[in-house]
Every structure is written in C-alpha cells, then in structure tokens.
Amino acid sequence: MSLDRYIVAPTGRLSTRSRPRDAEATKELLLAAASEEFAEHGLAGARIDRIAERAGANKRLLYRYFGDKEDVFDAVIERHVGLLAEAVPLTPDDLGAYAGAQFDYMLQHPQTLRIAAWRTFERFEPTDAERRGYKAKVDAISRAQREGKLYDGVSALDLFAITLRMVASWLSAPPGLMAVAGKDPLSAARLRKHRQALVEAVRRVTEPR
C-alpha cells in the first residue's frame, strides 16, 4: 500500500477519505505519520505523542504494533528501503542508469531523502532489511564483474559505495558549493544538467576497461 494515499489535514493530522478499519490499515496510517515525524525531527527529536496525534490514533497502538520509538524508526526505515528497492531495482549491467533512477526517486520523494540523512547522522546499526538489501546488491555487482559487465579493478563493495555517494553528490553538497551554481542550485535546469553528469560519471567509473 502506498503512503501517497495519505494527506496531511489542516490540523496536522494525517487523514484518508476512509478511516482504517483493521489492524493492517491502522499500521499503515501510523507508519505514514511516523514517516512525517521522523523526516522533520529525526530519531532524537521525534515524539510518540506527535506521531499518534498526526495519525489521529491512540499512542498505545504504536507500542502494541511496533514497540518503542527506536522500533518505530526501524519500521519506517524498512518501509522506505522497501519502497525504494521496488521503485528502483538494481541494474548491475548499467550502474549509470541505476544512479540516474535513484537520483530521480530522491527528488520525487524528499521525505525518503530526509529520513536517510537523519538515519545516517543518528544511528549506525543497520536494520535487517538494509543489511539484506545491500548484501544482495553487492553480490549482484560481483557477479556482473565476473561476467565482464562491470569494472573489476576494485571490489564490488567499493564500486557500489562509490556509486551511491555519487548519487548523493549534489543533493547533499555543502551550501557553499551549491552557491557556486547561482541563486537556485535546485532549479529544474541545474538538476537536469547534474543528472546527465551523474549518469555519465558513474558509467565512466563502472564500465569495464
């Protein structure tokens, strides 16, 4: 179920045209509210009371379904990891195309980008979903290297790590660097130009010699 079906009402609470009538729908609504809260305040600053208020639900349901605040954060991370993996599957024979698609996804889903930033800043221990997902991607890249589809002069792990950092290179660039681009470093024209550069750069780094 997509989180896009939820909207923020003028009261600040998430609402839907029909209120959830079962446990799974209630969990989805709570996860949507938690995503909003963690995107705005991070793990340390988020409050269970505010999540419940956003969802229009009793906070005891959060504890019942997910556990404490860290458990809720883990559930949010796993949800966003799953949505990203579904929307942007790895293409190990063309990491440039993968980088461009992930860049597009982050632009279209700024909430995911903010949550990822908070997650990296506040917490090192990965969730099981993160660990499994990254392991599968590194293994796929390693296979592509053995098949001669990718550059094999560095390990699959390092090649993927470099690709991911290149994806985030402009979206997480220092403000001073962004200022060099002019008044609107996130304009459509600037982003298109960077995307083209990103795809080309990743391909040059990852294609077999």
Protein backbone atom coordinates (compact mmCIF):
# COMPACT_ATOMS: atom_id res chain seq x y z
CA MET A 1 0.00 0.00 0.00
CA SER A 2 1.48 3.36 -1.00
CA LEU A 3 1.98 6.05 1.61
CA ASP A 4 0.93 8.58 -1.04
CA ARG A 5 -2.72 7.89 -0.30
CA TYR A 6 -2.37 9.73 3.00
CA ILE A 7 -2.59 13.51 3.20
CA VAL A 8 -1.89 15.98 5.96
CA ALA A 9 -5.06 17.63 7.15
CA PRO A 10 -5.11 21.31 8.23
CA THR A 11 -4.98 20.11 11.84
CA GLY A 12 -1.61 18.46 11.19
CA ARG A 13 -3.11 15.01 11.43
CA LEU A 14 -2.85 12.54 8.61
CA SER A 15 -6.19 11.61 7.20
CA THR A 16 -7.70 9.47 4.49
CA ARG A 17 -11.03 9.62 2.79
CA SER A 18 -11.96 6.50 4.76
CA ARG A 19 -10.57 5.77 8.19
CA PRO A 20 -8.78 2.45 8.67
CA ARG A 21 -11.00 -0.33 9.91
CA ASP A 22 -8.47 -3.08 10.55
CA ALA A 23 -5.06 -3.57 12.12
CA GLU A 24 -3.08 -3.52 8.87
CA ALA A 25 -4.67 -0.27 7.71
CA THR A 26 -4.04 1.27 11.12
CA LYS A 27 -0.38 0.23 10.95
CA GLU A 28 -0.07 1.87 7.54
CA LEU A 29 -1.57 5.09 8.86
CA LEU A 30 0.76 5.07 11.86
CA LEU A 31 3.79 4.42 9.63
CA ALA A 32 2.79 7.33 7.40
CA ALA A 33 2.51 9.59 10.44
CA ALA A 34 5.81 8.32 11.83
CA SER A 35 7.50 8.98 8.47
CA GLU A 36 6.36 12.60 8.62
CA GLU A 37 7.57 12.97 12.19
CA PHE A 38 10.99 11.38 11.68
CA ALA A 39 11.57 13.28 8.44
CA GLU A 40 11.01 16.56 10.27
CA HIS A 41 12.67 15.85 13.63
CA GLY A 42 14.93 12.80 13.30
CA LEU A 43 15.04 9.97 15.80
CA ALA A 44 16.12 12.02 18.80
CA GLY A 45 13.65 14.84 18.22
CA ALA A 46 10.62 12.74 17.26
CA ARG A 47 7.84 12.26 19.79
CA ILE A 48 5.46 9.32 20.07
CA ASP A 49 2.68 11.69 21.17
CA ARG A 50 3.03 13.73 17.98
CA ILE A 51 3.05 10.62 15.79
CA ALA A 52 -0.18 9.46 17.39
CA GLU A 53 -1.70 12.94 17.00
CA ARG A 54 -0.75 13.07 13.32
CA ALA A 55 -2.38 9.69 12.78
CA GLY A 56 -5.41 10.52 14.88
CA ALA A 57 -4.77 7.35 16.87
CA ASN A 58 -4.05 6.32 20.44
CA LYS A 59 -0.31 6.18 21.10
CA ARG A 60 -0.75 2.81 22.79
CA LEU A 61 -1.33 1.37 19.32
CA LEU A 62 2.21 2.37 18.33
CA TYR A 63 3.64 0.44 21.25
CA ARG A 64 1.35 -2.51 20.53
CA TYR A 65 2.20 -2.76 16.84
CA PHE A 66 5.83 -1.66 16.76
CA GLY A 67 7.38 -1.27 20.20
CA ASP A 68 9.30 1.76 21.46
CA LYS A 69 10.38 4.80 19.45
CA GLU A 70 13.51 3.12 18.06
CA ASP A 71 11.41 0.17 16.90
CA VAL A 72 9.04 2.58 15.14
CA PHE A 73 12.04 4.23 13.48
CA ASP A 74 13.28 0.83 12.31
CA ALA A 75 9.85 0.09 10.84
CA VAL A 76 9.89 3.41 8.98
CA ILE A 77 13.39 2.73 7.64
CA GLU A 78 12.39 -0.73 6.44
CA ARG A 79 9.30 0.69 4.75
CA HIS A 80 11.27 3.33 2.86
CA VAL A 81 14.04 0.88 1.97
CA GLY A 82 11.40 -1.45 0.55
CA LEU A 83 9.66 1.27 -1.45
CA LEU A 84 12.96 2.46 -2.91
CA ALA A 85 14.06 -1.06 -3.83
CA GLU A 86 10.73 -1.71 -5.52
CA ALA A 87 10.75 1.56 -7.46
CA VAL A 88 14.45 1.48 -8.41
CA PRO A 89 15.67 -2.09 -8.94
CA LEU A 90 19.39 -2.57 -9.36
CA THR A 91 20.65 -2.79 -12.96
CA PRO A 92 24.15 -4.23 -12.39
CA ASP A 93 24.99 -4.13 -16.09
CA ASP A 94 24.34 -0.37 -16.18
CA LEU A 95 25.03 1.34 -12.86
CA GLY A 96 24.79 4.71 -14.58
CA ALA A 97 21.11 4.12 -15.34
CA TYR A 98 20.60 2.90 -11.77
CA ALA A 99 22.24 6.04 -10.39
CA GLY A 100 20.03 8.26 -12.55
CA ALA A 101 16.87 6.42 -11.49
CA GLN A 102 17.78 6.65 -7.81
CA PHE A 103 18.54 10.36 -8.19
CA ASP A 104 15.08 10.83 -9.74
CA TYR A 105 13.46 8.90 -6.89
CA MET A 106 15.12 11.02 -4.24
CA LEU A 107 13.96 14.20 -5.96
CA GLN A 108 10.41 12.86 -6.14
CA HIS A 109 10.45 11.59 -2.54
CA PRO A 110 12.18 14.22 -0.40
CA GLN A 111 10.80 12.57 2.73
CA THR A 112 12.88 9.47 1.98
CA LEU A 113 15.94 11.65 1.44
CA ARG A 114 15.45 13.42 4.78
CA ILE A 115 14.88 10.18 6.67
CA ALA A 116 18.01 8.68 5.10
CA ALA A 117 20.01 11.72 6.19
CA TRP A 118 18.73 11.51 9.76
CA ARG A 119 19.33 7.76 9.80
CA THR A 120 22.97 8.17 8.73
CA PHE A 121 23.57 11.01 11.19
CA GLU A 122 21.90 9.50 14.25
CA ARG A 123 22.28 5.75 14.01
CA PHE A 124 24.93 3.38 12.73
CA GLU A 125 23.39 -0.05 13.32
CA PRO A 126 21.51 -1.13 10.17
CA THR A 127 18.14 -2.83 10.11
CA ASP A 128 17.88 -6.40 8.86
CA ALA A 129 16.21 -5.15 5.68
CA GLU A 130 19.06 -2.73 4.98
CA ARG A 131 21.68 -5.40 5.53
CA ARG A 132 19.93 -7.94 3.31
CA GLY A 133 19.23 -5.41 0.58
CA TYR A 134 22.78 -4.11 0.36
CA LYS A 135 24.25 -7.61 0.53
CA ALA A 136 22.09 -8.71 -2.41
CA LYS A 137 23.14 -5.69 -4.47
CA VAL A 138 26.85 -6.16 -3.76
CA ASP A 139 26.55 -9.83 -4.70
CA ALA A 140 24.81 -8.90 -7.98
CA ILE A 141 27.54 -6.39 -8.80
CA SER A 142 30.20 -9.00 -8.02
CA ARG A 143 28.53 -11.40 -10.49
CA ALA A 144 28.43 -8.68 -13.14
CA GLN A 145 32.14 -8.09 -12.61
CA ARG A 146 32.90 -11.78 -13.08
CA GLU A 147 30.84 -11.72 -16.28
CA GLY A 148 32.86 -8.79 -17.62
CA LYS A 149 29.96 -6.34 -17.46
CA LEU A 150 31.48 -4.01 -14.85
CA TYR A 151 34.93 -2.71 -13.97
CA ASP A 152 36.65 -5.25 -11.72
CA GLY A 153 39.68 -3.23 -10.68
CA VAL A 154 38.07 -2.57 -7.29
CA SER A 155 35.82 -4.71 -5.13
CA ALA A 156 32.08 -4.86 -5.75
CA LEU A 157 31.55 -3.38 -2.30
CA ASP A 158 33.68 -0.32 -3.06
CA LEU A 159 32.23 0.11 -6.54
CA PHE A 160 28.69 0.21 -5.15
CA ALA A 161 29.65 2.53 -2.29
CA ILE A 162 31.23 4.96 -4.77
CA THR A 163 28.11 4.82 -6.95
CA LEU A 164 25.82 5.63 -4.02
CA ARG A 165 27.93 8.59 -2.95
CA MET A 166 27.89 9.91 -6.50
CA VAL A 167 24.08 9.72 -6.48
CA ALA A 168 24.02 11.93 -3.38
CA SER A 169 26.81 14.22 -4.54
CA TRP A 170 24.63 17.20 -5.40
CA LEU A 171 21.64 16.62 -3.13
CA SER A 172 23.96 16.57 -0.09
CA ALA A 173 26.54 19.05 -1.38
CA PRO A 174 27.81 21.75 1.04
CA PRO A 175 25.83 25.01 0.86
CA GLY A 176 28.93 26.88 -0.27
CA LEU A 177 29.36 24.59 -3.25
CA MET A 178 25.69 24.87 -4.15
CA ALA A 179 26.03 28.65 -4.01
CA VAL A 180 28.54 28.49 -6.86
CA ALA A 181 25.68 27.29 -9.08
CA GLY A 182 23.83 30.59 -8.60
CA LYS A 183 20.61 31.69 -6.95
CA ASP A 184 18.72 28.43 -7.46
CA PRO A 185 21.02 25.40 -7.13
CA LEU A 186 17.99 23.09 -7.23
CA SER A 187 16.33 24.52 -10.32
CA ALA A 188 15.00 22.10 -12.91
CA ALA A 189 17.72 23.11 -15.37
CA ARG A 190 20.51 22.64 -12.80
CA LEU A 191 19.15 19.26 -11.74
CA ARG A 192 18.86 18.05 -15.33
CA LYS A 193 22.44 19.07 -16.00
CA HIS A 194 23.67 17.34 -12.86
CA ARG A 195 21.71 14.19 -13.64
CA GLN A 196 23.35 13.96 -17.05
CA ALA A 197 26.76 14.44 -15.46
CA LEU A 198 25.95 11.85 -12.78
CA VAL A 199 24.95 9.13 -15.24
CA GLU A 200 27.98 9.80 -17.43
CA ALA A 201 30.39 9.85 -14.48
CA VAL A 202 29.06 6.62 -12.97
CA ARG A 203 29.31 4.88 -16.32
CA ARG A 204 32.88 6.02 -16.80
CA VAL A 205 33.81 4.73 -13.34
CA THR A 206 31.96 1.42 -13.50
CA GLU A 207 32.10 0.24 -17.12
CA PRO A 208 34.71 -2.46 -17.90
CA ARG A 209 38.04 -1.26 -19.23
